[in-house]
């Protein structure tokens, strides 16, 4: 991590911690602990399994993009890489703009997928996920407005700007595709990959433009496969939030859980480390409007964040595994160089 990225991480962490302290300071910690005690171990285990299942569906969508560009790769290996990327994106989203760079590195190292092909697959999946994710957020915000009677249209409008902006970006991408203009370069800027690829000297993607565009033609089966897996992933995330909302509040509500799911997704778009602060602020707003109390909102954010931290813990295991392979490869290269130097000095040995 560069000093600039580290500084950005500290600034965003400070901002998130400030908002977290503001919200948590307005509730009694005894009430938060009481709400957390409602979660049974088997319930938390179920939520973690759903989290891993959601990552599995994300991996399936990514696998489909790779399959249609000629790489039939095992889902299990891709899942390990996806878990690591998700963990990096969750913990340091603003510092790295997500874990895409490490995902591409591991894809190239582990399965020898060329960088530009990996970029194509990742951009395709990310654009599809951004579009579907934004639609779910927008639906949730509209439901939130309907439940609260649109008493504060300014608030609803301000909350809608991010998903509307994402949908506008998707429209912009489709417009460029129709007019045969590049969508790769703006997407690289969005996902923080442009500087990385400049270092790799593989910034020319003209040959791959049609390939990316073909994934967003609904007449193509590849488009339906990728978008279908992404939709299922978001539906699973909604089901997960439905369960979490029920475990915390004891209420069964499709509409409330849809709102809470939308606000959880929206909190990720603020690029704060581990959604610290953004999750609490948005959920406290929703729970307050529903008359459920801010303590329950903070408790829900703790459990939701805990599910992702379990994923981060799993990713550490896989990072150690990949680090061992990298060190082994480096050692082999060094040994071969030493052996070659020795043979050159001693040709008769």
Protein backbone atom coordinates (compact mmCIF):
# COMPACT_ATOMS: atom_id res chain seq x y z
CA UNK A 1 0.00 0.00 0.00
CA UNK A 2 1.38 3.43 -0.93
CA UNK A 3 1.52 6.28 1.59
CA UNK A 4 -1.29 8.03 -0.29
CA UNK A 5 -3.55 4.98 -0.04
CA UNK A 6 -2.68 4.57 3.63
CA UNK A 7 -3.55 8.22 4.26
CA UNK A 8 -6.87 7.84 2.45
CA UNK A 9 -7.60 4.75 4.52
CA UNK A 10 -6.94 6.65 7.76
CA UNK A 11 -9.13 9.57 6.69
CA UNK A 12 -12.07 7.37 5.69
CA UNK A 13 -11.66 5.28 8.84
CA UNK A 14 -11.75 8.47 10.93
CA UNK A 15 -14.89 9.68 9.15
CA UNK A 16 -16.59 6.32 9.65
CA UNK A 17 -15.56 6.16 13.32
CA UNK A 18 -16.96 9.66 13.89
CA UNK A 19 -20.40 8.78 12.53
CA UNK A 20 -20.35 5.47 14.38
CA UNK A 21 -19.65 7.23 17.68
CA UNK A 22 -22.40 9.77 17.00
CA UNK A 23 -25.03 7.08 16.45
CA UNK A 24 -23.84 4.69 19.16
CA UNK A 25 -23.63 7.59 21.61
CA UNK A 26 -27.37 8.17 21.22
CA UNK A 27 -28.35 4.69 22.47
CA UNK A 28 -27.82 2.69 25.61
CA UNK A 29 -25.21 -0.03 25.17
CA UNK A 30 -27.21 -2.24 27.47
CA UNK A 31 -30.02 -2.20 24.89
CA UNK A 32 -27.56 -3.05 22.12
CA UNK A 33 -26.17 -5.98 24.10
CA UNK A 34 -29.70 -7.15 24.84
CA UNK A 35 -30.54 -7.12 21.13
CA UNK A 36 -27.32 -8.97 20.26
CA UNK A 37 -28.15 -11.66 22.79
CA UNK A 38 -31.26 -12.46 20.76
CA UNK A 39 -29.01 -13.95 18.07
CA UNK A 40 -28.48 -17.65 18.73
CA UNK A 41 -25.24 -19.34 17.56
CA UNK A 42 -27.11 -21.43 14.98
CA UNK A 43 -28.74 -18.28 13.62
CA UNK A 44 -25.38 -16.55 13.18
CA UNK A 45 -24.02 -19.72 11.56
CA UNK A 46 -26.95 -19.67 9.14
CA UNK A 47 -26.24 -16.02 8.28
CA UNK A 48 -22.57 -16.82 7.65
CA UNK A 49 -23.51 -19.74 5.39
CA UNK A 50 -25.81 -17.41 3.44
CA UNK A 51 -22.94 -14.93 3.15
CA UNK A 52 -20.69 -17.62 1.70
CA UNK A 53 -23.53 -18.70 -0.60
CA UNK A 54 -23.85 -15.13 -1.87
CA UNK A 55 -20.13 -15.15 -2.62
CA UNK A 56 -20.71 -18.45 -4.40
CA UNK A 57 -23.31 -16.89 -6.70
CA UNK A 58 -20.97 -13.96 -7.38
CA UNK A 59 -18.28 -16.49 -8.30
CA UNK A 60 -20.71 -18.29 -10.61
CA UNK A 61 -21.47 -15.05 -12.45
CA UNK A 62 -17.75 -14.34 -12.81
CA UNK A 63 -17.12 -17.93 -13.90
CA UNK A 64 -19.71 -17.50 -16.64
CA UNK A 65 -17.93 -14.44 -18.03
CA UNK A 66 -14.66 -16.36 -18.07
CA UNK A 67 -16.28 -19.40 -19.68
CA UNK A 68 -17.72 -17.38 -22.53
CA UNK A 69 -14.33 -15.84 -23.32
CA UNK A 70 -12.72 -19.27 -23.52
CA UNK A 71 -11.58 -20.14 -19.97
CA UNK A 72 -13.34 -23.06 -18.31
CA UNK A 73 -12.01 -22.70 -14.79
CA UNK A 74 -13.00 -24.61 -11.64
CA UNK A 75 -15.55 -22.81 -9.51
CA UNK A 76 -13.78 -23.77 -6.27
CA UNK A 77 -10.53 -22.03 -7.20
CA UNK A 78 -12.34 -18.94 -8.43
CA UNK A 79 -14.35 -18.87 -5.19
CA UNK A 80 -11.16 -18.71 -3.14
CA UNK A 81 -9.96 -15.74 -5.18
CA UNK A 82 -13.36 -14.06 -4.96
CA UNK A 83 -13.37 -14.42 -1.15
CA UNK A 84 -10.02 -12.67 -0.92
CA UNK A 85 -11.14 -9.85 -3.21
CA UNK A 86 -14.35 -9.38 -1.20
CA UNK A 87 -12.41 -9.17 2.06
CA UNK A 88 -10.01 -6.55 0.71
CA UNK A 89 -12.90 -4.54 -0.75
CA UNK A 90 -14.78 -4.67 2.55
CA UNK A 91 -11.92 -3.70 4.85
CA UNK A 92 -10.16 -1.08 2.70
CA UNK A 93 -12.62 -0.01 -0.02
CA UNK A 94 -11.46 3.58 -0.39
CA UNK A 95 -7.75 2.81 -0.18
CA UNK A 96 -7.80 0.31 -3.04
CA UNK A 97 -11.21 1.02 -4.67
CA UNK A 98 -11.93 -2.64 -4.00
CA UNK A 99 -9.98 -5.87 -4.23
CA UNK A 100 -10.07 -6.09 -8.02
CA UNK A 101 -6.31 -5.69 -8.41
CA UNK A 102 -5.49 -8.62 -6.12
CA UNK A 103 -8.20 -10.71 -7.81
CA UNK A 104 -6.58 -10.14 -11.20
CA UNK A 105 -3.12 -10.88 -9.82
CA UNK A 106 -4.23 -14.18 -8.27
CA UNK A 107 -6.18 -15.14 -11.40
CA UNK A 108 -3.06 -14.63 -13.47
CA UNK A 109 -0.76 -16.38 -11.00
CA UNK A 110 -2.97 -19.35 -10.11
CA UNK A 111 -4.65 -20.11 -13.44
CA UNK A 112 -2.45 -18.31 -15.97
CA UNK A 113 -5.29 -16.16 -17.32
CA UNK A 114 -3.74 -13.21 -19.21
CA UNK A 115 -4.23 -9.86 -17.53
CA UNK A 116 -6.33 -8.33 -20.30
CA UNK A 117 -8.64 -11.35 -20.40
CA UNK A 118 -9.03 -11.25 -16.66
CA UNK A 119 -9.85 -7.55 -16.84
CA UNK A 120 -12.53 -8.24 -19.45
CA UNK A 121 -14.20 -10.85 -17.27
CA UNK A 122 -14.02 -8.71 -14.14
CA UNK A 123 -15.34 -5.56 -15.81
CA UNK A 124 -18.23 -7.52 -17.32
CA UNK A 125 -19.19 -9.03 -13.97
CA UNK A 126 -18.78 -5.74 -12.08
CA UNK A 127 -20.91 -3.80 -14.56
CA UNK A 128 -23.66 -6.43 -14.39
CA UNK A 129 -23.53 -6.49 -10.59
CA UNK A 130 -23.53 -2.69 -10.40
CA UNK A 131 -26.64 -2.51 -12.55
CA UNK A 132 -28.61 -5.20 -10.68
CA UNK A 133 -27.42 -3.98 -7.27
CA UNK A 134 -28.51 -0.44 -8.06
CA UNK A 135 -31.97 -1.60 -9.15
CA UNK A 136 -32.44 -3.44 -5.83
CA UNK A 137 -31.31 -0.36 -3.88
CA UNK A 138 -33.64 1.91 -5.83
CA UNK A 139 -36.60 -0.43 -5.27
CA UNK A 140 -35.82 -0.54 -1.55
CA UNK A 141 -35.64 3.25 -1.34
CA UNK A 142 -38.96 3.59 -3.15
CA UNK A 143 -40.53 1.13 -0.70
CA UNK A 144 -39.01 3.13 2.15
CA UNK A 145 -40.57 6.28 0.79
CA UNK A 146 -43.94 4.59 0.38
CA UNK A 147 -43.87 3.20 3.96
CA UNK A 148 -43.01 6.59 5.43
CA UNK A 149 -45.50 8.41 3.26
CA UNK A 150 -42.74 10.35 1.47
CA UNK A 151 -42.80 12.77 4.39
CA UNK A 152 -39.27 13.84 3.55
CA UNK A 153 -38.93 13.84 -0.25
CA UNK A 154 -35.58 15.66 -0.01
CA UNK A 155 -34.16 12.78 2.02
CA UNK A 156 -35.50 10.15 -0.35
CA UNK A 157 -34.15 12.10 -3.32
CA UNK A 158 -30.72 12.49 -1.76
CA UNK A 159 -30.57 8.77 -0.94
CA UNK A 160 -31.62 7.93 -4.48
CA UNK A 161 -28.78 9.86 -6.09
CA UNK A 162 -26.23 7.06 -5.72
CA UNK A 163 -28.26 4.20 -7.24
CA UNK A 164 -29.64 6.56 -9.87
CA UNK A 165 -26.07 7.57 -10.63
CA UNK A 166 -25.08 3.93 -10.99
CA UNK A 167 -27.98 3.25 -13.34
CA UNK A 168 -27.05 6.39 -15.30
CA UNK A 169 -23.51 5.03 -15.61
CA UNK A 170 -24.89 1.73 -16.89
CA UNK A 171 -26.99 3.62 -19.45
CA UNK A 172 -23.88 5.61 -20.41
CA UNK A 173 -21.99 2.35 -20.93
CA UNK A 174 -24.77 0.87 -23.09
CA UNK A 175 -24.92 4.10 -25.10
CA UNK A 176 -21.20 3.91 -25.78
CA UNK A 177 -21.56 0.27 -26.79
CA UNK A 178 -24.29 1.11 -29.30
CA UNK A 179 -22.10 3.79 -30.85
CA UNK A 180 -19.06 1.51 -30.79
CA UNK A 181 -17.13 3.65 -28.34
CA UNK A 182 -14.83 2.39 -25.60
CA UNK A 183 -16.40 1.51 -22.25
CA UNK A 184 -13.28 -0.09 -20.85
CA UNK A 185 -11.37 3.05 -19.94
CA UNK A 186 -14.16 4.68 -17.85
CA UNK A 187 -14.83 1.31 -16.20
CA UNK A 188 -11.13 1.00 -15.35
CA UNK A 189 -11.27 4.38 -13.63
CA UNK A 190 -14.39 3.36 -11.68
CA UNK A 191 -12.84 0.11 -10.42
CA UNK A 192 -9.39 1.59 -9.77
CA UNK A 193 -7.53 -0.57 -12.28
CA UNK A 194 -6.19 2.01 -14.71
CA UNK A 195 -2.95 2.75 -12.84
CA UNK A 196 -2.29 -0.94 -12.29
CA UNK A 197 -2.70 -1.78 -15.96
CA UNK A 198 -0.55 1.13 -17.04
CA UNK A 199 2.25 -0.45 -15.02
CA UNK A 200 1.60 -3.75 -16.82
CA UNK A 201 1.59 -1.90 -20.17
CA UNK A 202 -1.62 -3.58 -21.34
CA UNK A 203 -3.98 -0.61 -21.60
CA UNK A 204 -5.02 -1.25 -25.22
CA UNK A 205 -8.31 -3.16 -25.13
CA UNK A 206 -9.71 -2.40 -28.58
CA UNK A 207 -9.87 -6.08 -29.54
CA UNK A 208 -11.85 -6.93 -26.41
CA UNK A 209 -14.49 -4.18 -26.67
CA UNK A 210 -16.94 -6.27 -28.71
CA UNK A 211 -16.52 -9.12 -26.26
CA UNK A 212 -17.57 -6.98 -23.30
CA UNK A 213 -20.43 -5.45 -25.26
CA UNK A 214 -21.81 -8.88 -26.21
CA UNK A 215 -22.45 -9.68 -22.54
CA UNK A 216 -25.05 -6.91 -22.38
CA UNK A 217 -27.09 -8.10 -25.33
CA UNK A 218 -30.05 -9.95 -23.81
CA UNK A 219 -30.49 -11.91 -27.04
CA UNK A 220 -27.22 -13.67 -26.16
CA UNK A 221 -27.35 -16.59 -23.71
CA UNK A 222 -24.13 -15.38 -22.10
CA UNK A 223 -25.86 -12.16 -21.05
CA UNK A 224 -28.78 -14.02 -19.49
CA UNK A 225 -26.42 -16.37 -17.65
CA UNK A 226 -24.33 -13.57 -16.10
CA UNK A 227 -27.27 -11.29 -15.27
CA UNK A 228 -29.31 -14.26 -14.01
CA UNK A 229 -26.59 -15.32 -11.56
CA UNK A 230 -26.24 -11.72 -10.40
CA UNK A 231 -29.98 -11.40 -9.81
CA UNK A 232 -29.99 -14.64 -7.79
CA UNK A 233 -27.07 -13.32 -5.77
CA UNK A 234 -28.99 -10.17 -4.85
CA UNK A 235 -32.13 -12.15 -4.05
CA UNK A 236 -30.06 -14.33 -1.71
CA UNK A 237 -28.69 -11.18 -0.04
CA UNK A 238 -32.27 -9.98 0.46
CA UNK A 239 -33.23 -13.35 1.98
CA UNK A 240 -30.24 -13.08 4.29
CA UNK A 241 -31.34 -9.63 5.45
CA UNK A 242 -34.89 -10.92 5.89
CA UNK A 243 -33.55 -13.55 8.32
CA UNK A 244 -31.29 -11.08 10.13
CA UNK A 245 -34.12 -8.56 10.52
CA UNK A 246 -36.34 -11.28 11.96
CA UNK A 247 -33.64 -12.51 14.37
CA UNK A 248 -33.05 -8.96 15.68
CA UNK A 249 -36.61 -7.62 15.85
CA UNK A 250 -38.79 -10.75 15.91
CA UNK A 251 -40.85 -9.26 13.05
CA UNK A 252 -41.56 -10.95 9.74
CA UNK A 253 -41.71 -8.23 7.11
CA UNK A 254 -40.83 -8.43 3.45
CA UNK A 255 -41.08 -4.67 2.95
CA UNK A 256 -39.01 -3.73 6.01
CA UNK A 257 -36.32 -6.26 5.16
CA UNK A 258 -36.21 -4.96 1.60
CA UNK A 259 -35.60 -1.44 2.91
CA UNK A 260 -32.93 -2.62 5.35
CA UNK A 261 -31.26 -4.63 2.55
CA UNK A 262 -31.26 -1.60 0.25
CA UNK A 263 -29.71 0.64 2.92
CA UNK A 264 -27.07 -2.01 3.69
CA UNK A 265 -26.17 -2.10 0.01
CA UNK A 266 -26.15 1.69 -0.09
CA UNK A 267 -23.76 1.83 2.87
CA UNK A 268 -21.18 -0.10 0.82
CA UNK A 269 -21.20 2.64 -1.82
CA UNK A 270 -19.83 5.23 0.62
CA UNK A 271 -16.44 3.45 0.52
CA UNK A 272 -15.88 3.55 4.29
CA UNK A 273 -13.77 0.74 5.82
CA UNK A 274 -16.07 -2.10 6.92
CA UNK A 275 -19.01 0.30 6.33
CA UNK A 276 -18.15 1.78 9.73
CA UNK A 277 -20.54 4.66 10.38
CA UNK A 278 -22.42 4.55 7.08
CA UNK A 279 -24.23 1.32 8.04
CA UNK A 280 -25.21 2.67 11.46
CA UNK A 281 -26.44 6.03 10.15
CA UNK A 282 -28.61 4.55 7.39
CA UNK A 283 -30.05 1.73 9.49
CA UNK A 284 -30.77 4.06 12.42
CA UNK A 285 -32.73 6.25 10.03
CA UNK A 286 -34.82 3.30 8.82
CA UNK A 287 -35.35 1.72 12.24
CA UNK A 288 -36.30 5.10 13.66
CA UNK A 289 -38.89 5.60 10.91
CA UNK A 290 -40.30 2.13 11.62
CA UNK A 291 -40.45 2.80 15.37
CA UNK A 292 -38.03 -0.03 16.20
CA UNK A 293 -35.35 1.97 17.97
CA UNK A 294 -31.74 2.80 17.17
CA UNK A 295 -30.36 0.11 19.48
CA UNK A 296 -31.79 -2.58 17.20
CA UNK A 297 -30.32 -0.77 14.18
CA UNK A 298 -26.83 -0.72 15.71
CA UNK A 299 -27.18 -4.38 16.72
CA UNK A 300 -28.17 -5.34 13.18
CA UNK A 301 -25.15 -3.49 11.79
CA UNK A 302 -22.87 -5.32 14.23
CA UNK A 303 -24.16 -8.74 13.20
CA UNK A 304 -24.14 -7.84 9.49
CA UNK A 305 -20.55 -6.62 9.78
CA UNK A 306 -19.65 -9.73 11.76
CA UNK A 307 -20.78 -11.94 8.87
CA UNK A 308 -18.35 -10.18 6.54
CA UNK A 309 -15.57 -10.35 9.11
CA UNK A 310 -15.94 -14.14 9.11
CA UNK A 311 -15.38 -13.99 5.34
CA UNK A 312 -12.30 -11.84 6.02
CA UNK A 313 -11.02 -14.47 8.46
CA UNK A 314 -11.46 -17.18 5.81
CA UNK A 315 -9.66 -14.99 3.29
CA UNK A 316 -6.64 -14.75 5.60
CA UNK A 317 -6.31 -18.54 5.41
CA UNK A 318 -6.42 -18.42 1.61
CA UNK A 319 -4.00 -15.48 1.52
CA UNK A 320 -1.52 -17.54 3.51
CA UNK A 321 -2.03 -20.39 1.05
CA UNK A 322 -1.39 -18.17 -1.98
CA UNK A 323 1.53 -16.44 -0.23
CA UNK A 324 3.13 -19.83 0.30
CA UNK A 325 2.74 -20.66 -3.39
CA UNK A 326 4.20 -17.29 -4.39
CA UNK A 327 7.21 -17.77 -2.12
CA UNK A 328 7.65 -21.29 -3.48
CA UNK A 329 7.59 -20.03 -7.07
CA UNK A 330 10.05 -17.24 -6.25
CA UNK A 331 12.35 -19.74 -4.52
CA UNK A 332 12.26 -22.04 -7.57
CA UNK A 333 13.16 -19.15 -9.88
CA UNK A 334 15.99 -18.06 -7.58
CA UNK A 335 17.33 -21.63 -7.33
CA UNK A 336 17.30 -22.00 -11.14
CA UNK A 337 19.20 -18.72 -11.54
CA UNK A 338 21.78 -19.75 -8.96
CA UNK A 339 22.17 -23.14 -10.64
CA UNK A 340 22.58 -21.48 -14.05
CA UNK A 341 25.23 -19.08 -12.71
CA UNK A 342 27.10 -21.97 -11.11
CA UNK A 343 27.04 -23.98 -14.34
CA UNK A 344 28.30 -20.99 -16.33
CA UNK A 345 31.22 -20.58 -13.92
CA UNK A 346 31.94 -24.29 -13.81
CA UNK A 347 31.10 -25.71 -17.25
CA UNK A 348 32.87 -29.03 -16.48
CA UNK A 349 31.16 -29.65 -13.16
